[in-house]
Amino acid sequence: MATRTVGFAIEDADRARLERLVGKYAGGNRSAFLRVAISYMEAVDRAERLRSLQSYGCRRSADKGLGLTDVQAVVRRVIRRRRDR
């Protein structure tokens, strides 16, 4: 794995917080901590996007007068169709 050094600045007030988190989640290794933080933030991003899609789907369903049982029926139909291929 190729690596590259990147620089970023933090405020003095955040230094102690960073060191505590680096110690807790990465054994004192800032590079490892950044990799952990990136993975965590990607998971947060995915959850936010899924939440947004769910909200969109709920609004669209409500606009069409569809309820949870209607949605479940569609899901079952799609799963059955895929299984029968």
PDB file of N, CA and C in Angstrom:
ATOM      1  N   MET A   1       0.845  -1.173   0.000  1.00  0.00           N
ATOM      2  CA  MET A   1       0.000   0.000   0.000  1.00  0.00           C
ATOM      3  C   MET A   1       0.890   1.235   0.000  1.00  0.00           C
ATOM      4  N   ALA A   2       0.703   2.074  -1.004  1.00  0.00           N
ATOM      5  CA  ALA A   2       1.456   3.322  -1.064  1.00  0.00           C
ATOM      6  C   ALA A   2       0.882   4.309  -0.057  1.00  0.00           C
ATOM      7  N   THR A   3       1.747   5.054   0.557  1.00  0.00           N
ATOM      8  CA  THR A   3       1.283   6.050   1.522  1.00  0.00           C
ATOM      9  C   THR A   3       1.779   7.421   1.120  1.00  0.00           C
ATOM     10  N   ARG A   4       1.080   8.409   1.587  1.00  0.00           N
ATOM     11  CA  ARG A   4       1.454   9.792   1.329  1.00  0.00           C
ATOM     12  C   ARG A   4       1.135  10.581   2.591  1.00  0.00           C
ATOM     13  N   THR A   5       2.024  11.448   2.962  1.00  0.00           N
ATOM     14  CA  THR A   5       1.814  12.297   4.122  1.00  0.00           C
ATOM     15  C   THR A   5       0.955  13.481   3.714  1.00  0.00           C
ATOM     16  N   VAL A   6      -0.094  13.721   4.485  1.00  0.00           N
ATOM     17  CA  VAL A   6      -0.934  14.896   4.267  1.00  0.00           C
ATOM     18  C   VAL A   6      -0.953  15.686   5.568  1.00  0.00           C
ATOM     19  N   GLY A   7      -0.994  16.973   5.453  1.00  0.00           N
ATOM     20  CA  GLY A   7      -0.990  17.807   6.646  1.00  0.00           C
ATOM     21  C   GLY A   7      -2.338  18.453   6.863  1.00  0.00           C
ATOM     22  N   PHE A   8      -2.685  18.601   8.100  1.00  0.00           N
ATOM     23  CA  PHE A   8      -3.860  19.384   8.437  1.00  0.00           C
ATOM     24  C   PHE A   8      -3.632  19.978   9.809  1.00  0.00           C
ATOM     25  N   ALA A   9      -4.345  21.031  10.096  1.00  0.00           N
ATOM     26  CA  ALA A   9      -4.150  21.757  11.343  1.00  0.00           C
ATOM     27  C   ALA A   9      -5.346  21.573  12.263  1.00  0.00           C
ATOM     28  N   ILE A  10      -5.077  21.554  13.545  1.00  0.00           N
ATOM     29  CA  ILE A  10      -6.146  21.547  14.536  1.00  0.00           C
ATOM     30  C   ILE A  10      -5.877  22.685  15.516  1.00  0.00           C
ATOM     31  N   GLU A  11      -6.912  23.138  16.145  1.00  0.00           N
ATOM     32  CA  GLU A  11      -6.745  24.194  17.138  1.00  0.00           C
ATOM     33  C   GLU A  11      -6.092  23.618  18.383  1.00  0.00           C
ATOM     34  N   ASP A  12      -5.370  24.451  19.088  1.00  0.00           N
ATOM     35  CA  ASP A  12      -4.711  24.009  20.327  1.00  0.00           C
ATOM     36  C   ASP A  12      -5.714  23.391  21.289  1.00  0.00           C
ATOM     37  N   ALA A  13      -6.903  23.940  21.336  1.00  0.00           N
ATOM     38  CA  ALA A  13      -7.932  23.439  22.254  1.00  0.00           C
ATOM     39  C   ALA A  13      -8.355  22.005  21.918  1.00  0.00           C
ATOM     40  N   ASP A  14      -8.172  21.599  20.669  1.00  0.00           N
ATOM     41  CA  ASP A  14      -8.575  20.255  20.248  1.00  0.00           C
ATOM     42  C   ASP A  14      -7.464  19.224  20.374  1.00  0.00           C
ATOM     43  N   ARG A  15      -6.262  19.639  20.677  1.00  0.00           N
ATOM     44  CA  ARG A  15      -5.113  18.736  20.721  1.00  0.00           C
ATOM     45  C   ARG A  15      -5.301  17.625  21.744  1.00  0.00           C
ATOM     46  N   ALA A  16      -5.749  17.961  22.945  1.00  0.00           N
ATOM     47  CA  ALA A  16      -5.939  16.948  23.990  1.00  0.00           C
ATOM     48  C   ALA A  16      -7.031  15.956  23.593  1.00  0.00           C
ATOM     49  N   ARG A  17      -8.079  16.464  22.977  1.00  0.00           N
ATOM     50  CA  ARG A  17      -9.154  15.568  22.524  1.00  0.00           C
ATOM     51  C   ARG A  17      -8.642  14.590  21.476  1.00  0.00           C
ATOM     52  N   LEU A  18      -7.859  15.119  20.532  1.00  0.00           N
ATOM     53  CA  LEU A  18      -7.296  14.272  19.491  1.00  0.00           C
ATOM     54  C   LEU A  18      -6.411  13.195  20.097  1.00  0.00           C
ATOM     55  N   GLU A  19      -5.526  13.579  20.990  1.00  0.00           N
ATOM     56  CA  GLU A  19      -4.605  12.609  21.588  1.00  0.00           C
ATOM     57  C   GLU A  19      -5.355  11.530  22.353  1.00  0.00           C
ATOM     58  N   ARG A  20      -6.403  11.921  23.069  1.00  0.00           N
ATOM     59  CA  ARG A  20      -7.196  10.933  23.813  1.00  0.00           C
ATOM     60  C   ARG A  20      -7.846   9.940  22.858  1.00  0.00           C
ATOM     61  N   LEU A  21      -8.437  10.449  21.780  1.00  0.00           N
ATOM     62  CA  LEU A  21      -9.099   9.571  20.815  1.00  0.00           C
ATOM     63  C   LEU A  21      -8.104   8.700  20.057  1.00  0.00           C
ATOM     64  N   VAL A  22      -6.964   9.264  19.706  1.00  0.00           N
ATOM     65  CA  VAL A  22      -5.916   8.485  19.030  1.00  0.00           C
ATOM     66  C   VAL A  22      -5.457   7.351  19.939  1.00  0.00           C
ATOM     67  N   GLY A  23      -5.286   7.644  21.207  1.00  0.00           N
ATOM     68  CA  GLY A  23      -4.888   6.601  22.153  1.00  0.00           C
ATOM     69  C   GLY A  23      -5.945   5.515  22.303  1.00  0.00           C
ATOM     70  N   LYS A  24      -7.192   5.944  22.376  1.00  0.00           N
ATOM     71  CA  LYS A  24      -8.275   4.980  22.590  1.00  0.00           C
ATOM     72  C   LYS A  24      -8.537   4.105  21.361  1.00  0.00           C
ATOM     73  N   TYR A  25      -8.569   4.712  20.174  1.00  0.00           N
ATOM     74  CA  TYR A  25      -8.996   3.973  18.991  1.00  0.00           C
ATOM     75  C   TYR A  25      -7.868   3.491  18.085  1.00  0.00           C
ATOM     76  N   ALA A  26      -6.648   3.967  18.316  1.00  0.00           N
ATOM     77  CA  ALA A  26      -5.584   3.584  17.391  1.00  0.00           C
ATOM     78  C   ALA A  26      -4.251   3.349  18.092  1.00  0.00           C
ATOM     79  N   GLY A  27      -4.280   3.113  19.395  1.00  0.00           N
ATOM     80  CA  GLY A  27      -3.048   2.792  20.108  1.00  0.00           C
ATOM     81  C   GLY A  27      -1.989   3.869  20.015  1.00  0.00           C
ATOM     82  N   GLY A  28      -2.396   5.117  19.842  1.00  0.00           N
ATOM     83  CA  GLY A  28      -1.441   6.216  19.774  1.00  0.00           C
ATOM     84  C   GLY A  28      -0.962   6.546  18.371  1.00  0.00           C
ATOM     85  N   ASN A  29      -1.418   5.820  17.372  1.00  0.00           N
ATOM     86  CA  ASN A  29      -0.984   6.025  15.992  1.00  0.00           C
ATOM     87  C   ASN A  29      -1.982   6.931  15.275  1.00  0.00           C
ATOM     88  N   ARG A  30      -1.563   8.159  14.982  1.00  0.00           N
ATOM     89  CA  ARG A  30      -2.481   9.121  14.343  1.00  0.00           C
ATOM     90  C   ARG A  30      -2.914   8.676  12.950  1.00  0.00           C
ATOM     91  N   SER A  31      -2.023   8.073  12.204  1.00  0.00           N
ATOM     92  CA  SER A  31      -2.390   7.606  10.864  1.00  0.00           C
ATOM     93  C   SER A  31      -3.462   6.532  10.948  1.00  0.00           C
ATOM     94  N   ALA A  32      -3.279   5.596  11.879  1.00  0.00           N
ATOM     95  CA  ALA A  32      -4.280   4.549  12.064  1.00  0.00           C
ATOM     96  C   ALA A  32      -5.599   5.153  12.519  1.00  0.00           C
ATOM     97  N   PHE A  33      -5.525   6.171  13.390  1.00  0.00           N
ATOM     98  CA  PHE A  33      -6.746   6.826  13.848  1.00  0.00           C
ATOM     99  C   PHE A  33      -7.483   7.471  12.682  1.00  0.00           C
ATOM    100  N   LEU A  34      -6.758   8.115  11.793  1.00  0.00           N
ATOM    101  CA  LEU A  34      -7.401   8.749  10.648  1.00  0.00           C
ATOM    102  C   LEU A  34      -8.102   7.713   9.779  1.00  0.00           C
ATOM    103  N   ARG A  35      -7.480   6.554   9.589  1.00  0.00           N
ATOM    104  CA  ARG A  35      -8.121   5.493   8.815  1.00  0.00           C
ATOM    105  C   ARG A  35      -9.401   5.019   9.506  1.00  0.00           C
ATOM    106  N   VAL A  36      -9.357   4.877  10.832  1.00  0.00           N
ATOM    107  CA  VAL A  36     -10.553   4.481  11.593  1.00  0.00           C
ATOM    108  C   VAL A  36     -11.628   5.554  11.450  1.00  0.00           C
ATOM    109  N   ALA A  37     -11.238   6.819  11.585  1.00  0.00           N
ATOM    110  CA  ALA A  37     -12.191   7.925  11.486  1.00  0.00           C
ATOM    111  C   ALA A  37     -12.823   7.987  10.097  1.00  0.00           C
ATOM    112  N   ILE A  38     -12.028   7.755   9.055  1.00  0.00           N
ATOM    113  CA  ILE A  38     -12.564   7.758   7.698  1.00  0.00           C
ATOM    114  C   ILE A  38     -13.594   6.647   7.538  1.00  0.00           C
ATOM    115  N   SER A  39     -13.282   5.448   8.011  1.00  0.00           N
ATOM    116  CA  SER A  39     -14.228   4.331   7.910  1.00  0.00           C
ATOM    117  C   SER A  39     -15.514   4.640   8.661  1.00  0.00           C
ATOM    118  N   TYR A  40     -15.372   5.211   9.847  1.00  0.00           N
ATOM    119  CA  TYR A  40     -16.548   5.550  10.654  1.00  0.00           C
ATOM    120  C   TYR A  40     -17.403   6.599   9.937  1.00  0.00           C
ATOM    121  N   MET A  41     -16.771   7.632   9.405  1.00  0.00           N
ATOM    122  CA  MET A  41     -17.521   8.695   8.745  1.00  0.00           C
ATOM    123  C   MET A  41     -18.169   8.201   7.453  1.00  0.00           C
ATOM    124  N   GLU A  42     -17.541   7.244   6.773  1.00  0.00           N
ATOM    125  CA  GLU A  42     -18.186   6.649   5.604  1.00  0.00           C
ATOM    126  C   GLU A  42     -19.456   5.915   6.015  1.00  0.00           C
ATOM    127  N   ALA A  43     -19.409   5.210   7.139  1.00  0.00           N
ATOM    128  CA  ALA A  43     -20.597   4.515   7.634  1.00  0.00           C
ATOM    129  C   ALA A  43     -21.690   5.513   8.008  1.00  0.00           C
ATOM    130  N   VAL A  44     -21.311   6.606   8.628  1.00  0.00           N
ATOM    131  CA  VAL A  44     -22.274   7.659   8.965  1.00  0.00           C
ATOM    132  C   VAL A  44     -22.892   8.224   7.693  1.00  0.00           C
ATOM    133  N   ASP A  45     -22.062   8.459   6.675  1.00  0.00           N
ATOM    134  CA  ASP A  45     -22.544   8.984   5.406  1.00  0.00           C
ATOM    135  C   ASP A  45     -23.542   8.030   4.760  1.00  0.00           C
ATOM    136  N   ARG A  46     -23.229   6.729   4.753  1.00  0.00           N
ATOM    137  CA  ARG A  46     -24.151   5.743   4.183  1.00  0.00           C
ATOM    138  C   ARG A  46     -25.476   5.742   4.938  1.00  0.00           C
ATOM    139  N   ALA A  47     -25.413   5.796   6.257  1.00  0.00           N
ATOM    140  CA  ALA A  47     -26.636   5.801   7.068  1.00  0.00           C
ATOM    141  C   ALA A  47     -27.483   7.036   6.769  1.00  0.00           C
ATOM    142  N   GLU A  48     -26.843   8.185   6.619  1.00  0.00           N
ATOM    143  CA  GLU A  48     -27.579   9.413   6.301  1.00  0.00           C
ATOM    144  C   GLU A  48     -28.233   9.321   4.928  1.00  0.00           C
ATOM    145  N   ARG A  49     -27.509   8.774   3.949  1.00  0.00           N
ATOM    146  CA  ARG A  49     -28.084   8.636   2.609  1.00  0.00           C
ATOM    147  C   ARG A  49     -29.243   7.652   2.607  1.00  0.00           C
ATOM    148  N   LEU A  50     -29.092   6.545   3.338  1.00  0.00           N
ATOM    149  CA  LEU A  50     -30.189   5.573   3.412  1.00  0.00           C
ATOM    150  C   LEU A  50     -31.407   6.170   4.106  1.00  0.00           C
ATOM    151  N   ARG A  51     -31.174   6.945   5.167  1.00  0.00           N
ATOM    152  CA  ARG A  51     -32.273   7.606   5.866  1.00  0.00           C
ATOM    153  C   ARG A  51     -33.004   8.560   4.924  1.00  0.00           C
ATOM    154  N   SER A  52     -32.239   9.282   4.125  1.00  0.00           N
ATOM    155  CA  SER A  52     -32.827  10.208   3.160  1.00  0.00           C
ATOM    156  C   SER A  52     -33.648   9.460   2.111  1.00  0.00           C
ATOM    157  N   LEU A  53     -33.113   8.353   1.605  1.00  0.00           N
ATOM    158  CA  LEU A  53     -33.848   7.544   0.633  1.00  0.00           C
ATOM    159  C   LEU A  53     -35.124   6.967   1.234  1.00  0.00           C
ATOM    160  N   GLN A  54     -35.034   6.538   2.487  1.00  0.00           N
ATOM    161  CA  GLN A  54     -36.214   5.992   3.159  1.00  0.00           C
ATOM    162  C   GLN A  54     -37.292   7.073   3.293  1.00  0.00           C
ATOM    163  N   SER A  55     -36.876   8.256   3.675  1.00  0.00           N
ATOM    164  CA  SER A  55     -37.811   9.365   3.810  1.00  0.00           C
ATOM    165  C   SER A  55     -38.457   9.694   2.464  1.00  0.00           C
ATOM    166  N   TYR A  56     -37.644   9.709   1.422  1.00  0.00           N
ATOM    167  CA  TYR A  56     -38.153   9.958   0.071  1.00  0.00           C
ATOM    168  C   TYR A  56     -39.179   8.891  -0.311  1.00  0.00           C
ATOM    169  N   GLY A  57     -38.850   7.633  -0.070  1.00  0.00           N
ATOM    170  CA  GLY A  57     -39.763   6.539  -0.392  1.00  0.00           C
ATOM    171  C   GLY A  57     -41.073   6.638   0.377  1.00  0.00           C
ATOM    172  N   CYS A  58     -40.983   7.015   1.642  1.00  0.00           N
ATOM    173  CA  CYS A  58     -42.199   7.167   2.455  1.00  0.00           C
ATOM    174  C   CYS A  58     -43.076   8.291   1.912  1.00  0.00           C
ATOM    175  N   ARG A  59     -42.445   9.399   1.534  1.00  0.00           N
ATOM    176  CA  ARG A  59     -43.217  10.519   0.968  1.00  0.00           C
ATOM    177  C   ARG A  59     -43.885  10.111  -0.341  1.00  0.00           C
ATOM    178  N   ARG A  60     -43.127   9.451  -1.209  1.00  0.00           N
ATOM    179  CA  ARG A  60     -43.696   9.024  -2.502  1.00  0.00           C
ATOM    180  C   ARG A  60     -44.829   8.035  -2.308  1.00  0.00           C
ATOM    181  N   SER A  61     -44.654   7.101  -1.382  1.00  0.00           N
ATOM    182  CA  SER A  61     -45.714   6.128  -1.098  1.00  0.00           C
ATOM    183  C   SER A  61     -46.958   6.826  -0.588  1.00  0.00           C
ATOM    184  N   ALA A  62     -46.772   7.757   0.345  1.00  0.00           N
ATOM    185  CA  ALA A  62     -47.912   8.483   0.912  1.00  0.00           C
ATOM    186  C   ALA A  62     -48.617   9.298  -0.174  1.00  0.00           C
ATOM    187  N   ASP A  63     -47.841   9.915  -1.063  1.00  0.00           N
ATOM    188  CA  ASP A  63     -48.437  10.695  -2.155  1.00  0.00           C
ATOM    189  C   ASP A  63     -49.323   9.829  -3.041  1.00  0.00           C
ATOM    190  N   LYS A  64     -48.974   8.565  -3.175  1.00  0.00           N
ATOM    191  CA  LYS A  64     -49.737   7.648  -4.020  1.00  0.00           C
ATOM    192  C   LYS A  64     -50.786   6.868  -3.238  1.00  0.00           C
ATOM    193  N   GLY A  65     -50.871   7.166  -1.938  1.00  0.00           N
ATOM    194  CA  GLY A  65     -51.869   6.496  -1.115  1.00  0.00           C
ATOM    195  C   GLY A  65     -51.497   5.066  -0.747  1.00  0.00           C
ATOM    196  N   LEU A  66     -50.219   4.747  -0.790  1.00  0.00           N
ATOM    197  CA  LEU A  66     -49.767   3.399  -0.464  1.00  0.00           C
ATOM    198  C   LEU A  66     -49.328   3.336   0.991  1.00  0.00           C
ATOM    199  N   GLY A  67     -49.637   2.217   1.629  1.00  0.00           N
ATOM    200  CA  GLY A  67     -49.236   2.016   3.018  1.00  0.00           C
ATOM    201  C   GLY A  67     -48.170   0.943   3.132  1.00  0.00           C
ATOM    202  N   LEU A  68     -47.824   0.617   4.364  1.00  0.00           N
ATOM    203  CA  LEU A  68     -46.779  -0.364   4.628  1.00  0.00           C
ATOM    204  C   LEU A  68     -47.117  -1.728   4.026  1.00  0.00           C
ATOM    205  N   THR A  69     -48.354  -2.148   4.128  1.00  0.00           N
ATOM    206  CA  THR A  69     -48.715  -3.462   3.577  1.00  0.00           C
ATOM    207  C   THR A  69     -48.562  -3.482   2.061  1.00  0.00           C
ATOM    208  N   ASP A  70     -48.844  -2.357   1.413  1.00  0.00           N
ATOM    209  CA  ASP A  70     -48.658  -2.284  -0.043  1.00  0.00           C
ATOM    210  C   ASP A  70     -47.183  -2.416  -0.401  1.00  0.00           C
ATOM    211  N   VAL A  71     -46.344  -1.722   0.343  1.00  0.00           N
ATOM    212  CA  VAL A  71     -44.897  -1.774   0.097  1.00  0.00           C
ATOM    213  C   VAL A  71     -44.376  -3.190   0.329  1.00  0.00           C
ATOM    214  N   GLN A  72     -44.821  -3.818   1.402  1.00  0.00           N
ATOM    215  CA  GLN A  72     -44.385  -5.192   1.688  1.00  0.00           C
ATOM    216  C   GLN A  72     -44.801  -6.140   0.574  1.00  0.00           C
ATOM    217  N   ALA A  73     -45.988  -5.944   0.015  1.00  0.00           N
ATOM    218  CA  ALA A  73     -46.452  -6.797  -1.086  1.00  0.00           C
ATOM    219  C   ALA A  73     -45.552  -6.623  -2.310  1.00  0.00           C
ATOM    220  N   VAL A  74     -45.154  -5.401  -2.599  1.00  0.00           N
ATOM    221  CA  VAL A  74     -44.266  -5.153  -3.740  1.00  0.00           C
ATOM    222  C   VAL A  74     -42.916  -5.820  -3.501  1.00  0.00           C
ATOM    223  N   VAL A  75     -42.380  -5.685  -2.304  1.00  0.00           N
ATOM    224  CA  VAL A  75     -41.090  -6.291  -1.978  1.00  0.00           C
ATOM    225  C   VAL A  75     -41.162  -7.803  -2.131  1.00  0.00           C
ATOM    226  N   ARG A  76     -42.223  -8.410  -1.612  1.00  0.00           N
ATOM    227  CA  ARG A  76     -42.379  -9.871  -1.752  1.00  0.00           C
ATOM    228  C   ARG A  76     -42.448 -10.278  -3.222  1.00  0.00           C
ATOM    229  N   ARG A  77     -43.184  -9.495  -4.015  1.00  0.00           N
ATOM    230  CA  ARG A  77     -43.327  -9.805  -5.436  1.00  0.00           C
ATOM    231  C   ARG A  77     -41.972  -9.731  -6.147  1.00  0.00           C
ATOM    232  N   VAL A  78     -41.180  -8.722  -5.854  1.00  0.00           N
ATOM    233  CA  VAL A  78     -39.860  -8.573  -6.484  1.00  0.00           C
ATOM    234  C   VAL A  78     -38.946  -9.709  -6.051  1.00  0.00           C
ATOM    235  N   ILE A  79     -38.941 -10.033  -4.769  1.00  0.00           N
ATOM    236  CA  ILE A  79     -38.098 -11.132  -4.275  1.00  0.00           C
ATOM    237  C   ILE A  79     -38.495 -12.440  -4.930  1.00  0.00           C
ATOM    238  N   ARG A  80     -39.783 -12.691  -5.038  1.00  0.00           N
ATOM    239  CA  ARG A  80     -40.266 -13.933  -5.646  1.00  0.00           C
ATOM    240  C   ARG A  80     -39.833 -13.994  -7.111  1.00  0.00           C
ATOM    241  N   ARG A  81     -39.947 -12.864  -7.823  1.00  0.00           N
ATOM    242  CA  ARG A  81     -39.562 -12.815  -9.226  1.00  0.00           C
ATOM    243  C   ARG A  81     -38.074 -13.112  -9.391  1.00  0.00           C
ATOM    244  N   ARG A  82     -37.238 -12.549  -8.515  1.00  0.00           N
ATOM    245  CA  ARG A  82     -35.801 -12.780  -8.596  1.00  0.00           C
ATOM    246  C   ARG A  82     -35.469 -14.231  -8.292  1.00  0.00           C
ATOM    247  N   ARG A  83     -36.182 -14.807  -7.336  1.00  0.00           N
ATOM    248  CA  ARG A  83     -35.938 -16.185  -6.941  1.00  0.00           C
ATOM    249  C   ARG A  83     -36.298 -17.154  -8.061  1.00  0.00           C
ATOM    250  N   ASP A  84     -37.324 -16.799  -8.825  1.00  0.00           N
ATOM    251  CA  ASP A  84     -37.822 -17.687  -9.897  1.00  0.00           C
ATOM    252  C   ASP A  84     -36.988 -17.630 -11.169  1.00  0.00           C
ATOM    253  N   ARG A  85     -36.032 -16.736 -11.232  1.00  0.00           N
ATOM    254  CA  ARG A  85     -35.193 -16.625 -12.438  1.00  0.00           C
ATOM    255  C   ARG A  85     -34.295 -17.808 -12.607  1.00  0.00           C
TER     256      ARG A  85
END
